[in-house]
Amino acid sequence: MKATALEKIQAALPGAACQMALEAVVVEVRPEELAGTLTRLKEDPACNCGMLLDVTAIDYLDYPHPPPQAARFQVVHTLRNWQDNLLVQVRTPVADPDVGLTTATGLWDSANWGEREVFDQYGIRFQGHPDLRRILNHWQFEGHPLRKDYPIDRRQICTETDSLEKEIRARLAEKGVDDATLKDINTEVMFLNLGPSHPATHGAIRILAALDGETILANVNEIGYLHRGFEKTAEQRTYNQIVPLTDRLNYCSSMLNNIAYVKAVESWLGVEITERARFMRVVLSEFYRVLDHLVCCAAFMVDIGGLTNYWYLYNEKEDAYDFISRLTGARLTSSFTRIGGMYRDFYDGWQSDLESHLRAIEKGISDALKLVATNRIFHDRTQGVCIMPAAAALSYGFTGPNLRASGVPFDLRKDAPYYGYEAFDFTVPVGSTGDVYDRMMVRFEEMAQSISIIRQAIRHIPEGPVNVADPQVSLPPKEAVYNSIEGLANHFKLVFEGVKTPPGQWYDSYEAANGELGFHFVSDGSGRPYKLKVRPPCFYTMGGFHKMVEGSMIADAIINLSCINIIGGELDR
């Protein structure tokens, strides 16, 4: 499989240097070759990379080994051919950040927000970008925080709100509403702010809409209110110390983040976790996927006016925290995984406890659906509303339920299986229209499929250890720590120095509740990542929010925000 992918890309780009890094084909190009390379990778049928998953940069200022190029900076575009599950990374050196590179916004809409983040965090410009400005840091911020020479303790306060007037007028002009039209006495365009402190946004997101009556003519969004510097902080922590930070990404399904993160580190280390640990991760991943969808569906029902449905769904989600607290000792942020395995095994009697929660959740879902399945108001409010066609969803980098609702049947559990998912019997729900109705019903069906996977895993989970017996990765048993100097020294080295990874750069991803949760690492060989970039599914979904709501009613924008399930911690990091 790897050889075939490498041969395919090398044949399409005969002059490029190509190699494999885990499952990705890595292509190294010069700045002047970038635009042509990206165009070829997207438009050549042999490559067909229709998705730009992420854009990031690396600052090699303090890298202890010879960097892969003479330039200080490198920009990395991560692409995917979803039909063949072909993953490609294009790495380009940047000699002068002020000159930068050519924008990819003409090829993929997801490049708009992706390149803005690189500009914000690293100061690298993209020539031809239509709206190159800050996105995670506020508009008065000075400097670029992910550069290695930016001090981690330097904080900057925003003293004045960004009006976004220039941006909303530019968006209106794109829609054919110019200043002359706005000044027309017969035109009444109202500018409305929703958020960042508003219950309808379910978090700190600012939505600025230009309205004609109740119809949205244009929309621009501001994020970054919950930005807490995940990636800068991760550079100061050992690999295992980062696990609690991942809890705070999508806190509605925190353990999914834990598992995705340690899987990415283990992939580069070449660590094969034990069979019991694999089954544990499958059970907990699917259980947390159900909990995440319960939150999304419950919040959506409140926004559409169905408070009774909310209680049917959210009560069962709240009760499920009893199982989680018995298992992990915590409710919301559990930090339950470790590189090489799990914090500890399941407790005695966990199967019956989990089954009782699954039955209660199934009843809650059934009761909620009975109230809306044939409800005309529900169907009128959701069907044909805020449509996102498949081609647009791919261009904006949608993944997970939001992409599948648009009719694209891509799921990493099926198309790039891990942890033995290929052995489980489940189907991938797919929508037909890409509207609010499809986005909700896909999640309802995914909960049923996840519950089925959990029950299959419970029947087949083997006995055995939950951590690998590798002193370079896992902590030694307490008996060895207390009774031998070797065990004590091993314990202290792993705790203080961390699990050491080979030097290099890699990307690994996981099918999280909201879509593809990816982690891009650069290792210098120490126990701390030289760079750690999160590819959050929410970020690129929010980048396409305006595409869905423009032309719809303001009330539709509220329920659309609910059904795409934007989580602030994952969006802003």
Protein backbone atom coordinates (compact mmCIF):
# COMPACT_ATOMS: atom_id res chain seq x y z
CA MET A 1 0.00 0.00 0.00
CA LYS A 2 2.75 2.46 0.99
CA ALA A 3 4.87 1.52 -2.05
CA THR A 4 1.89 1.99 -4.37
CA ALA A 5 1.13 5.45 -2.95
CA LEU A 6 4.75 6.54 -3.22
CA GLU A 7 5.02 5.27 -6.81
CA LYS A 8 1.79 7.05 -7.77
CA ILE A 9 2.92 10.44 -6.47
CA GLN A 10 6.46 10.04 -7.81
CA ALA A 11 5.06 9.28 -11.27
CA ALA A 12 2.82 12.36 -11.14
CA LEU A 13 5.70 14.57 -9.91
CA PRO A 14 8.77 13.09 -11.64
CA GLY A 15 11.13 15.90 -10.62
CA ALA A 16 10.15 16.03 -6.95
CA ALA A 17 11.83 14.38 -3.99
CA CYS A 18 9.31 11.97 -2.47
CA GLN A 19 9.50 9.68 0.56
CA MET A 20 7.20 8.03 3.11
CA ALA A 21 6.56 9.21 6.68
CA LEU A 22 4.16 6.77 8.34
CA GLU A 23 1.16 6.64 5.96
CA ALA A 24 1.89 9.96 4.21
CA VAL A 25 3.79 10.56 1.01
CA VAL A 26 6.10 13.52 1.67
CA VAL A 27 6.93 15.79 -1.27
CA GLU A 28 9.67 18.41 -0.86
CA VAL A 29 9.49 21.32 -3.30
CA ARG A 30 11.05 24.74 -3.77
CA PRO A 31 8.86 27.85 -3.28
CA GLU A 32 8.61 28.54 -7.01
CA GLU A 33 7.36 24.98 -7.55
CA LEU A 34 4.69 25.01 -4.86
CA ALA A 35 1.74 26.36 -6.88
CA GLY A 36 2.33 23.93 -9.74
CA THR A 37 2.80 20.99 -7.38
CA LEU A 38 -0.40 21.68 -5.44
CA THR A 39 -2.35 22.17 -8.68
CA ARG A 40 -1.05 18.88 -10.06
CA LEU A 41 -1.85 17.01 -6.84
CA LYS A 42 -5.42 18.28 -6.90
CA GLU A 43 -6.25 18.11 -10.61
CA ASP A 44 -4.28 15.10 -11.82
CA PRO A 45 -6.71 12.12 -11.76
CA ALA A 46 -3.87 9.89 -10.58
CA CYS A 47 -3.50 12.03 -7.43
CA ASN A 48 -6.98 13.55 -7.03
CA CYS A 49 -6.21 15.25 -3.70
CA GLY A 50 -9.53 17.02 -3.33
CA MET A 51 -9.07 17.89 0.35
CA LEU A 52 -6.61 20.31 1.92
CA LEU A 53 -6.67 19.02 5.49
CA ASP A 54 -4.31 21.52 7.08
CA VAL A 55 -1.60 24.14 6.61
CA THR A 56 1.10 24.66 9.20
CA ALA A 57 4.66 25.92 9.54
CA ILE A 58 7.84 24.99 11.42
CA ASP A 59 10.45 27.33 12.86
CA TYR A 60 13.83 25.54 12.85
CA LEU A 61 15.61 28.31 14.77
CA ASP A 62 16.51 26.10 17.78
CA TYR A 63 16.46 22.70 16.08
CA PRO A 64 19.52 20.80 17.39
CA HIS A 65 20.02 18.70 14.26
CA PRO A 66 20.77 19.98 10.75
CA PRO A 67 17.38 21.19 9.44
CA PRO A 68 16.04 19.61 6.25
CA GLN A 69 16.61 22.86 4.36
CA ALA A 70 18.75 25.97 4.63
CA ALA A 71 15.80 28.26 5.37
CA ARG A 72 14.63 28.92 8.91
CA PHE A 73 10.95 28.25 8.17
CA GLN A 74 9.10 25.48 6.42
CA VAL A 75 5.41 25.41 5.41
CA VAL A 76 3.59 22.07 5.24
CA HIS A 77 0.37 21.45 3.28
CA THR A 78 -1.41 18.21 4.24
CA LEU A 79 -3.66 16.85 1.46
CA ARG A 80 -5.92 13.86 1.11
CA ASN A 81 -7.45 11.87 -1.73
CA TRP A 82 -10.43 10.57 0.22
CA GLN A 83 -11.55 8.02 -2.40
CA ASP A 84 -8.22 6.14 -2.27
CA ASN A 85 -7.24 7.33 1.23
CA LEU A 86 -4.03 8.78 -0.17
CA LEU A 87 -2.33 11.17 2.26
CA VAL A 88 0.24 13.64 0.90
CA GLN A 89 2.32 16.28 2.66
CA VAL A 90 3.99 19.03 0.65
CA ARG A 91 6.90 20.66 2.52
CA THR A 92 8.29 23.97 1.26
CA PRO A 93 11.17 26.04 2.71
CA VAL A 94 10.52 29.74 3.30
CA ALA A 95 13.60 31.97 3.17
CA ASP A 96 11.81 35.28 3.76
CA PRO A 97 8.51 35.24 5.72
CA ASP A 98 7.58 38.68 4.36
CA VAL A 99 7.75 37.31 0.82
CA GLY A 100 6.33 33.95 1.85
CA LEU A 101 4.63 31.64 -0.62
CA THR A 102 1.84 31.65 -3.17
CA THR A 103 -1.63 31.17 -1.72
CA ALA A 104 -3.58 27.96 -2.27
CA THR A 105 -6.97 29.65 -1.80
CA GLY A 106 -7.67 29.33 -5.51
CA LEU A 107 -7.52 25.54 -5.17
CA TRP A 108 -9.15 24.87 -1.80
CA ASP A 109 -11.38 27.11 0.32
CA SER A 110 -9.88 25.59 3.48
CA ALA A 111 -6.60 27.36 2.62
CA ASN A 112 -8.22 30.66 3.60
CA TRP A 113 -8.31 29.94 7.34
CA GLY A 114 -5.33 27.57 7.26
CA GLU A 115 -3.02 30.21 5.77
CA ARG A 116 -4.39 32.88 8.08
CA GLU A 117 -3.38 30.74 11.05
CA VAL A 118 0.16 30.31 9.68
CA PHE A 119 0.42 34.06 9.14
CA ASP A 120 -0.91 34.78 12.62
CA GLN A 121 1.32 32.31 14.46
CA TYR A 122 4.50 32.45 12.35
CA GLY A 123 4.31 35.67 10.33
CA ILE A 124 4.61 33.94 6.96
CA ARG A 125 2.72 35.72 4.20
CA PHE A 126 0.81 34.13 1.34
CA GLN A 127 0.81 36.15 -1.85
CA GLY A 128 -2.65 36.52 -3.37
CA HIS A 129 -4.55 35.59 -0.21
CA PRO A 130 -7.89 37.47 -0.22
CA ASP A 131 -8.05 38.21 3.53
CA LEU A 132 -4.68 37.70 5.22
CA ARG A 133 -5.14 38.83 8.82
CA ARG A 134 -4.95 37.38 12.33
CA ILE A 135 -7.37 34.64 13.30
CA LEU A 136 -6.52 33.11 16.71
CA ASN A 137 -4.74 36.08 18.26
CA HIS A 138 -6.50 39.42 18.53
CA TRP A 139 -6.03 42.20 15.99
CA GLN A 140 -3.83 44.32 18.31
CA PHE A 141 -1.42 41.44 18.94
CA GLU A 142 2.22 42.14 18.10
CA GLY A 143 4.63 39.41 17.04
CA HIS A 144 4.07 35.77 16.19
CA PRO A 145 3.79 33.46 19.20
CA LEU A 146 4.83 30.13 17.66
CA ARG A 147 8.19 31.47 16.55
CA LYS A 148 10.90 30.01 18.77
CA ASP A 149 12.17 33.43 19.82
CA TYR A 150 8.75 34.54 21.15
CA PRO A 151 8.74 34.13 24.97
CA ILE A 152 5.97 31.89 26.26
CA ASP A 153 5.18 34.18 29.21
CA ARG A 154 4.67 37.33 27.12
CA ARG A 155 0.97 38.18 27.28
CA GLN A 156 -0.82 40.89 25.33
CA ILE A 157 -4.21 42.35 26.17
CA CYS A 158 -6.71 43.54 23.59
CA THR A 159 -8.04 46.97 24.56
CA GLU A 160 -10.39 47.66 21.65
CA THR A 161 -12.92 45.56 19.74
CA ASP A 162 -12.28 44.92 16.06
CA SER A 163 -15.30 46.35 14.23
CA LEU A 164 -14.95 43.92 11.27
CA GLU A 165 -16.63 46.61 9.17
CA LYS A 166 -14.05 46.31 6.39
CA GLU A 167 -14.48 42.55 6.26
CA ILE A 168 -18.30 42.52 6.24
CA ARG A 169 -18.41 45.20 3.52
CA ALA A 170 -15.94 43.24 1.44
CA ARG A 171 -18.10 40.15 1.81
CA LEU A 172 -21.18 42.16 0.79
CA ALA A 173 -19.32 43.38 -2.29
CA GLU A 174 -18.54 39.78 -3.22
CA LYS A 175 -22.27 39.05 -3.00
CA GLY A 176 -23.04 42.00 -5.30
CA VAL A 177 -24.08 44.50 -2.61
CA ASP A 178 -21.81 47.54 -3.01
CA ASP A 179 -21.68 50.84 -1.10
CA ALA A 180 -24.01 52.52 -3.59
CA THR A 181 -26.64 49.86 -2.94
CA LEU A 182 -26.22 50.22 0.80
CA LYS A 183 -26.84 53.97 0.56
CA ASP A 184 -29.99 53.50 -1.54
CA ILE A 185 -33.00 54.84 0.38
CA ASN A 186 -34.96 51.69 -0.49
CA THR A 187 -32.31 49.38 0.97
CA GLU A 188 -32.34 48.64 4.65
CA VAL A 189 -29.30 46.53 5.57
CA MET A 190 -28.78 45.98 9.27
CA PHE A 191 -25.54 44.73 10.83
CA LEU A 192 -26.08 42.31 13.69
CA ASN A 193 -23.55 40.90 16.13
CA LEU A 194 -24.20 37.48 17.67
CA GLY A 195 -21.69 36.74 20.41
CA PRO A 196 -19.03 36.39 21.50
CA SER A 197 -21.05 36.41 24.74
CA HIS A 198 -24.43 35.08 23.67
CA PRO A 199 -26.22 31.86 24.69
CA ALA A 200 -27.08 31.05 21.06
CA THR A 201 -23.41 30.57 20.13
CA HIS A 202 -22.82 27.86 22.79
CA GLY A 203 -19.38 29.34 23.34
CA ALA A 204 -17.20 32.35 22.64
CA ILE A 205 -17.72 32.85 18.90
CA ARG A 206 -18.57 36.14 17.25
CA ILE A 207 -20.90 36.03 14.25
CA LEU A 208 -21.35 39.30 12.36
CA ALA A 209 -24.19 39.22 9.84
CA ALA A 210 -25.49 41.78 7.35
CA LEU A 211 -29.27 41.37 7.26
CA ASP A 212 -31.98 42.30 4.81
CA GLY A 213 -34.96 41.87 7.09
CA GLU A 214 -34.25 38.45 8.61
CA THR A 215 -32.26 37.16 5.63
CA ILE A 216 -28.47 36.97 5.91
CA LEU A 217 -26.84 38.75 2.99
CA ALA A 218 -23.27 38.32 4.20
CA ASN A 219 -21.50 36.80 7.18
CA VAL A 220 -18.03 37.00 8.72
CA ASN A 221 -16.88 35.33 11.92
CA GLU A 222 -14.32 36.02 14.61
CA ILE A 223 -12.81 33.28 16.76
CA GLY A 224 -9.87 32.97 19.16
CA TYR A 225 -11.66 34.02 22.35
CA LEU A 226 -10.81 30.67 23.97
CA HIS A 227 -7.27 30.45 22.60
CA ARG A 228 -5.06 29.23 25.43
CA GLY A 229 -1.85 28.43 23.55
CA PHE A 230 -2.05 24.63 23.39
CA GLU A 231 0.74 24.28 20.83
CA LYS A 232 3.17 26.69 22.51
CA THR A 233 2.57 25.02 25.88
CA ALA A 234 3.08 21.54 24.41
CA GLU A 235 6.65 22.49 23.44
CA GLN A 236 7.44 22.83 27.16
CA ARG A 237 5.95 19.47 28.24
CA THR A 238 6.96 15.83 27.93
CA TYR A 239 4.81 13.69 25.68
CA ASN A 240 2.83 12.15 28.55
CA GLN A 241 2.40 15.54 30.25
CA ILE A 242 0.53 16.71 27.14
CA VAL A 243 -2.26 14.17 27.63
CA PRO A 244 -4.16 16.43 30.12
CA LEU A 245 -3.91 19.28 27.61
CA THR A 246 -5.70 17.19 24.99
CA ASP A 247 -8.64 16.72 27.38
CA ARG A 248 -9.39 20.41 26.95
CA LEU A 249 -9.70 20.30 23.16
CA ASN A 250 -13.14 18.80 22.58
CA TYR A 251 -14.19 18.52 26.20
CA CYS A 252 -17.48 16.85 25.20
CA SER A 253 -15.49 13.78 24.13
CA SER A 254 -12.24 14.30 26.01
CA MET A 255 -10.98 10.71 25.96
CA LEU A 256 -11.21 10.60 22.17
CA ASN A 257 -8.59 13.36 22.16
CA ASN A 258 -6.45 11.38 24.65
CA ILE A 259 -6.56 8.27 22.46
CA ALA A 260 -5.94 10.14 19.19
CA TYR A 261 -2.91 11.88 20.66
CA VAL A 262 -1.17 8.83 22.13
CA LYS A 263 -1.92 6.83 18.97
CA ALA A 264 -0.05 9.49 16.97
CA VAL A 265 3.02 9.27 19.23
CA GLU A 266 2.93 5.47 19.30
CA SER A 267 2.76 5.35 15.50
CA TRP A 268 6.08 7.18 15.19
CA LEU A 269 7.68 5.09 17.93
CA GLY A 270 6.49 1.89 16.26
CA VAL A 271 4.84 0.78 19.50
CA GLU A 272 2.18 -1.92 19.21
CA ILE A 273 -0.10 -1.67 22.22
CA THR A 274 -1.53 -4.80 23.81
CA GLU A 275 -4.68 -6.39 22.43
CA ARG A 276 -6.67 -5.58 25.56
CA ALA A 277 -5.59 -1.92 25.36
CA ARG A 278 -6.77 -1.79 21.74
CA PHE A 279 -10.20 -3.09 22.70
CA MET A 280 -10.36 -0.67 25.63
CA ARG A 281 -9.64 2.23 23.31
CA VAL A 282 -12.32 1.10 20.85
CA VAL A 283 -14.93 0.76 23.61
CA LEU A 284 -14.10 4.15 25.12
CA SER A 285 -13.78 5.91 21.75
CA GLU A 286 -17.24 4.82 20.68
CA PHE A 287 -18.76 5.55 24.08
CA TYR A 288 -17.38 9.08 23.98
CA ARG A 289 -18.55 9.48 20.38
CA VAL A 290 -22.07 8.71 21.62
CA LEU A 291 -21.72 11.22 24.47
CA ASP A 292 -20.48 13.92 22.11
CA HIS A 293 -23.39 13.38 19.72
CA LEU A 294 -25.84 13.43 22.65
CA VAL A 295 -24.59 16.90 23.60
CA CYS A 296 -24.84 18.12 19.99
CA CYS A 297 -28.34 16.74 19.42
CA ALA A 298 -29.60 17.93 22.81
CA ALA A 299 -28.30 21.48 22.31
CA PHE A 300 -29.76 21.54 18.81
CA MET A 301 -33.18 20.54 20.12
CA VAL A 302 -33.12 23.43 22.59
CA ASP A 303 -32.28 25.91 19.83
CA ILE A 304 -35.09 24.63 17.64
CA GLY A 305 -37.58 24.79 20.53
CA GLY A 306 -37.70 21.17 21.70
CA LEU A 307 -36.79 21.36 25.37
CA THR A 308 -38.34 17.98 26.17
CA ASN A 309 -36.04 16.31 23.64
CA TYR A 310 -33.10 17.94 25.39
CA TRP A 311 -33.87 16.22 28.69
CA TYR A 312 -34.38 12.83 27.05
CA LEU A 313 -30.87 13.09 25.57
CA TYR A 314 -28.86 15.11 28.07
CA ASN A 315 -30.06 13.29 31.17
CA GLU A 316 -28.59 10.04 29.85
CA LYS A 317 -25.35 11.77 28.95
CA GLU A 318 -25.13 13.19 32.47
CA ASP A 319 -25.82 9.78 34.03
CA ALA A 320 -23.03 8.25 31.93
CA TYR A 321 -20.52 10.33 33.88
CA ASP A 322 -21.11 7.94 36.80
CA PHE A 323 -19.45 5.18 34.76
CA ILE A 324 -16.63 7.48 33.68
CA SER A 325 -15.90 8.67 37.21
CA ARG A 326 -15.80 5.10 38.51
CA LEU A 327 -13.40 4.16 35.73
CA THR A 328 -11.08 7.18 35.66
CA GLY A 329 -11.63 9.08 38.90
CA ALA A 330 -12.84 12.14 36.98
CA ARG A 331 -15.93 13.16 35.05
CA LEU A 332 -15.10 15.59 32.25
CA THR A 333 -11.33 15.56 31.77
CA SER A 334 -10.00 12.10 32.58
CA SER A 335 -6.42 11.98 31.15
CA PHE A 336 -6.91 8.21 31.03
CA THR A 337 -4.41 7.18 28.34
CA ARG A 338 -0.64 6.78 28.45
CA ILE A 339 1.85 6.32 25.66
CA GLY A 340 2.05 2.55 25.37
CA GLY A 341 -1.35 1.81 26.90
CA MET A 342 -3.82 3.04 29.48
CA TYR A 343 -3.70 4.55 32.96
CA ARG A 344 -5.28 1.40 34.37
CA ASP A 345 -7.62 -1.47 33.48
CA PHE A 346 -11.42 -1.56 33.64
CA TYR A 347 -12.85 -2.17 37.11
CA ASP A 348 -14.74 -5.35 38.06
CA GLY A 349 -18.32 -5.25 36.84
CA TRP A 350 -17.75 -2.59 34.19
CA GLN A 351 -19.57 -4.59 31.49
CA SER A 352 -22.94 -4.58 33.28
CA ASP A 353 -22.58 -0.91 34.26
CA LEU A 354 -21.80 0.09 30.69
CA GLU A 355 -24.63 -2.00 29.27
CA SER A 356 -27.15 -0.32 31.61
CA HIS A 357 -26.02 3.08 30.38
CA LEU A 358 -26.23 1.98 26.73
CA ARG A 359 -29.82 0.80 27.23
CA ALA A 360 -30.77 4.08 28.90
CA ILE A 361 -29.15 6.05 26.06
CA GLU A 362 -31.02 3.99 23.45
CA LYS A 363 -34.31 4.72 25.20
CA GLY A 364 -33.49 8.44 25.40
CA ILE A 365 -32.68 8.54 21.69
CA SER A 366 -35.88 6.66 20.86
CA ASP A 367 -38.01 8.98 22.99
CA ALA A 368 -36.42 12.09 21.45
CA LEU A 369 -36.86 10.86 17.88
CA LYS A 370 -40.53 9.97 18.48
CA LEU A 371 -41.21 13.66 19.08
CA VAL A 372 -39.60 14.86 15.83
CA ALA A 373 -39.63 11.98 13.32
CA THR A 374 -43.05 12.99 11.93
CA ASN A 375 -43.18 16.52 13.29
CA ARG A 376 -43.93 18.94 10.46
CA ILE A 377 -42.43 21.94 12.25
CA PHE A 378 -39.15 20.05 12.75
CA HIS A 379 -38.98 19.00 9.11
CA ASP A 380 -39.83 22.49 7.81
CA ARG A 381 -37.14 24.03 10.02
CA THR A 382 -34.40 21.56 9.04
CA GLN A 383 -34.92 20.20 5.53
CA GLY A 384 -33.42 22.27 2.72
CA VAL A 385 -31.90 24.68 5.27
CA CYS A 386 -28.23 25.77 5.25
CA ILE A 387 -27.24 23.32 2.54
CA MET A 388 -23.56 22.44 2.07
CA PRO A 389 -23.02 20.52 -1.20
CA ALA A 390 -20.45 17.73 -1.27
CA ALA A 391 -17.96 19.59 -3.46
CA ALA A 392 -18.04 22.66 -1.21
CA ALA A 393 -17.76 20.54 1.94
CA LEU A 394 -14.60 18.89 0.56
CA SER A 395 -13.15 22.23 -0.50
CA TYR A 396 -13.64 23.74 2.95
CA GLY A 397 -12.00 20.74 4.63
CA PHE A 398 -15.10 19.30 6.28
CA THR A 399 -14.65 15.87 7.83
CA GLY A 400 -16.65 13.54 10.06
CA PRO A 401 -20.46 13.75 10.36
CA ASN A 402 -20.64 17.14 8.64
CA LEU A 403 -18.88 15.78 5.55
CA ARG A 404 -20.84 12.54 5.53
CA ALA A 405 -24.10 14.53 5.82
CA SER A 406 -23.18 16.13 2.49
CA GLY A 407 -23.03 12.71 0.84
CA VAL A 408 -19.31 11.91 1.09
CA PRO A 409 -18.91 8.43 2.65
CA PHE A 410 -15.46 8.95 4.19
CA ASP A 411 -14.70 7.61 7.65
CA LEU A 412 -11.17 6.85 8.85
CA ARG A 413 -12.46 3.83 10.78
CA LYS A 414 -13.50 2.26 7.46
CA ASP A 415 -11.10 3.82 4.96
CA ALA A 416 -7.90 3.80 7.03
CA PRO A 417 -8.78 1.35 9.81
CA TYR A 418 -6.83 1.14 13.06
CA TYR A 419 -7.29 -0.83 16.30
CA GLY A 420 -9.01 -3.61 14.36
CA TYR A 421 -12.01 -1.56 13.23
CA GLU A 422 -12.07 -3.57 10.00
CA ALA A 423 -13.22 -6.59 12.05
CA PHE A 424 -16.29 -4.81 13.46
CA ASP A 425 -19.67 -4.93 11.76
CA PHE A 426 -20.97 -1.37 11.35
CA THR A 427 -22.15 0.96 8.62
CA VAL A 428 -21.26 4.60 7.92
CA PRO A 429 -24.40 6.80 7.79
CA VAL A 430 -24.41 9.19 4.83
CA GLY A 431 -26.76 12.07 4.02
CA SER A 432 -28.14 13.06 0.65
CA THR A 433 -28.55 16.85 0.77
CA GLY A 434 -26.10 18.30 3.26
CA ASP A 435 -28.72 20.32 5.11
CA VAL A 436 -29.45 20.75 8.82
CA TYR A 437 -31.69 17.67 8.79
CA ASP A 438 -28.96 15.44 7.36
CA ARG A 439 -26.36 16.70 9.81
CA MET A 440 -28.60 15.82 12.74
CA MET A 441 -29.88 12.49 11.49
CA VAL A 442 -26.39 11.29 10.59
CA ARG A 443 -25.42 11.83 14.23
CA PHE A 444 -28.48 10.00 15.52
CA GLU A 445 -27.64 6.99 13.34
CA GLU A 446 -23.95 7.15 14.25
CA MET A 447 -24.90 6.74 17.91
CA ALA A 448 -26.71 3.50 17.07
CA GLN A 449 -23.71 2.24 15.12
CA SER A 450 -21.30 3.15 17.93
CA ILE A 451 -23.42 1.31 20.50
CA SER A 452 -23.31 -1.75 18.23
CA ILE A 453 -19.50 -1.53 18.03
CA ILE A 454 -19.24 -1.25 21.83
CA ARG A 455 -21.31 -4.39 22.35
CA GLN A 456 -19.24 -6.32 19.81
CA ALA A 457 -16.04 -5.20 21.56
CA ILE A 458 -17.37 -6.18 25.00
CA ARG A 459 -18.07 -9.70 23.72
CA HIS A 460 -14.56 -10.18 22.34
CA ILE A 461 -12.29 -8.17 24.65
CA PRO A 462 -9.39 -10.41 25.79
CA GLU A 463 -7.68 -10.57 29.14
CA GLY A 464 -4.12 -9.39 29.60
CA PRO A 465 -2.02 -6.33 30.41
CA VAL A 466 -3.05 -2.83 29.34
CA ASN A 467 0.48 -1.44 28.95
CA VAL A 468 3.41 -2.60 26.83
CA ALA A 469 6.35 -4.17 28.64
CA ASP A 470 8.88 -1.67 27.29
CA PRO A 471 10.97 0.27 29.83
CA GLN A 472 11.61 2.98 27.24
CA VAL A 473 7.89 3.71 26.99
CA SER A 474 5.91 2.50 30.01
CA LEU A 475 6.53 3.08 33.71
CA PRO A 476 7.82 0.01 35.56
CA PRO A 477 5.62 -1.81 38.09
CA LYS A 478 5.53 -0.23 41.55
CA GLU A 479 7.22 -3.29 43.04
CA ALA A 480 10.24 -2.68 40.82
CA VAL A 481 10.30 1.04 41.67
CA TYR A 482 10.19 0.37 45.41
CA ASN A 483 12.58 -2.59 45.50
CA SER A 484 15.24 -2.07 42.83
CA ILE A 485 17.52 0.79 41.84
CA GLU A 486 16.99 -0.04 38.16
CA GLY A 487 13.22 0.30 38.50
CA LEU A 488 13.56 3.53 40.45
CA ALA A 489 15.95 5.03 37.90
CA ASN A 490 13.70 3.94 35.02
CA HIS A 491 10.70 5.55 36.71
CA PHE A 492 12.48 8.87 37.31
CA LYS A 493 13.93 9.06 33.79
CA LEU A 494 10.55 8.51 32.16
CA VAL A 495 8.83 11.03 34.42
CA PHE A 496 11.43 13.80 34.17
CA GLU A 497 12.87 13.26 30.69
CA GLY A 498 9.81 11.81 29.00
CA VAL A 499 9.41 9.16 26.33
CA LYS A 500 12.06 9.92 23.72
CA THR A 501 11.01 9.86 20.07
CA PRO A 502 13.33 9.55 17.06
CA PRO A 503 14.09 12.85 15.26
CA GLY A 504 11.76 13.56 12.38
CA GLN A 505 8.41 14.91 11.30
CA TRP A 506 5.09 13.08 10.97
CA TYR A 507 1.30 13.39 10.85
CA ASP A 508 -1.25 10.96 12.27
CA SER A 509 -5.02 11.26 12.60
CA TYR A 510 -8.09 9.72 14.22
CA GLU A 511 -11.81 9.66 13.50
CA ALA A 512 -12.99 11.83 16.40
CA ALA A 513 -16.61 12.76 17.08
CA ASN A 514 -16.46 15.90 14.92
CA GLY A 515 -14.21 14.47 12.20
CA GLU A 516 -10.53 14.05 11.49
CA LEU A 517 -8.48 15.02 14.53
CA GLY A 518 -4.86 15.17 13.37
CA PHE A 519 -1.56 15.75 15.14
CA HIS A 520 1.50 17.02 13.29
CA PHE A 521 4.77 16.52 15.19
CA VAL A 522 8.38 17.55 14.76
CA SER A 523 10.76 15.66 17.06
CA ASP A 524 14.32 16.63 17.93
CA GLY A 525 14.98 13.29 19.63
CA SER A 526 14.19 14.49 23.15
CA GLY A 527 11.27 13.67 25.44
CA ARG A 528 9.44 16.83 24.42
CA PRO A 529 7.99 17.65 20.98
CA TYR A 530 9.90 20.35 19.13
CA LYS A 531 6.58 21.21 17.52
CA LEU A 532 3.04 19.90 17.96
CA LYS A 533 0.25 21.12 15.72
CA VAL A 534 -3.39 20.08 16.16
CA ARG A 535 -5.57 19.68 13.08
CA PRO A 536 -8.99 20.35 14.68
CA PRO A 537 -12.10 19.38 12.67
CA CYS A 538 -14.10 22.30 14.16
CA PHE A 539 -11.66 24.89 12.80
CA TYR A 540 -12.25 24.10 9.14
CA THR A 541 -15.97 23.50 9.64
CA MET A 542 -16.32 27.00 11.09
CA GLY A 543 -14.36 28.31 8.12
CA GLY A 544 -17.26 27.26 5.90
CA PHE A 545 -20.02 28.57 8.18
CA HIS A 546 -20.69 31.64 6.03
CA LYS A 547 -21.16 29.43 2.97
CA MET A 548 -23.99 27.60 4.72
CA VAL A 549 -25.87 30.53 6.25
CA GLU A 550 -25.73 33.26 3.61
CA GLY A 551 -29.15 33.41 1.99
CA SER A 552 -30.80 31.78 5.01
CA MET A 553 -32.70 33.34 7.90
CA ILE A 554 -30.98 34.50 11.07
CA ALA A 555 -32.89 31.84 13.05
CA ASP A 556 -31.51 29.21 10.65
CA ALA A 557 -27.95 30.35 11.40
CA ILE A 558 -28.52 29.58 15.08
CA ILE A 559 -29.64 26.01 14.51
CA ASN A 560 -26.93 25.52 11.90
CA LEU A 561 -24.27 26.45 14.45
CA SER A 562 -25.77 23.82 16.75
CA CYS A 563 -25.85 21.06 14.16
CA ILE A 564 -22.22 21.48 13.05
CA ASN A 565 -21.24 21.12 16.73
CA ILE A 566 -18.54 23.76 17.12
CA ILE A 567 -16.56 23.20 20.35
CA GLY A 568 -14.57 26.26 21.44
CA GLY A 569 -11.63 24.41 23.00
CA GLU A 570 -11.02 22.47 19.79
CA LEU A 571 -11.72 25.45 17.53
CA ASP A 572 -9.30 27.86 19.21
CA ARG A 573 -6.92 25.52 21.05
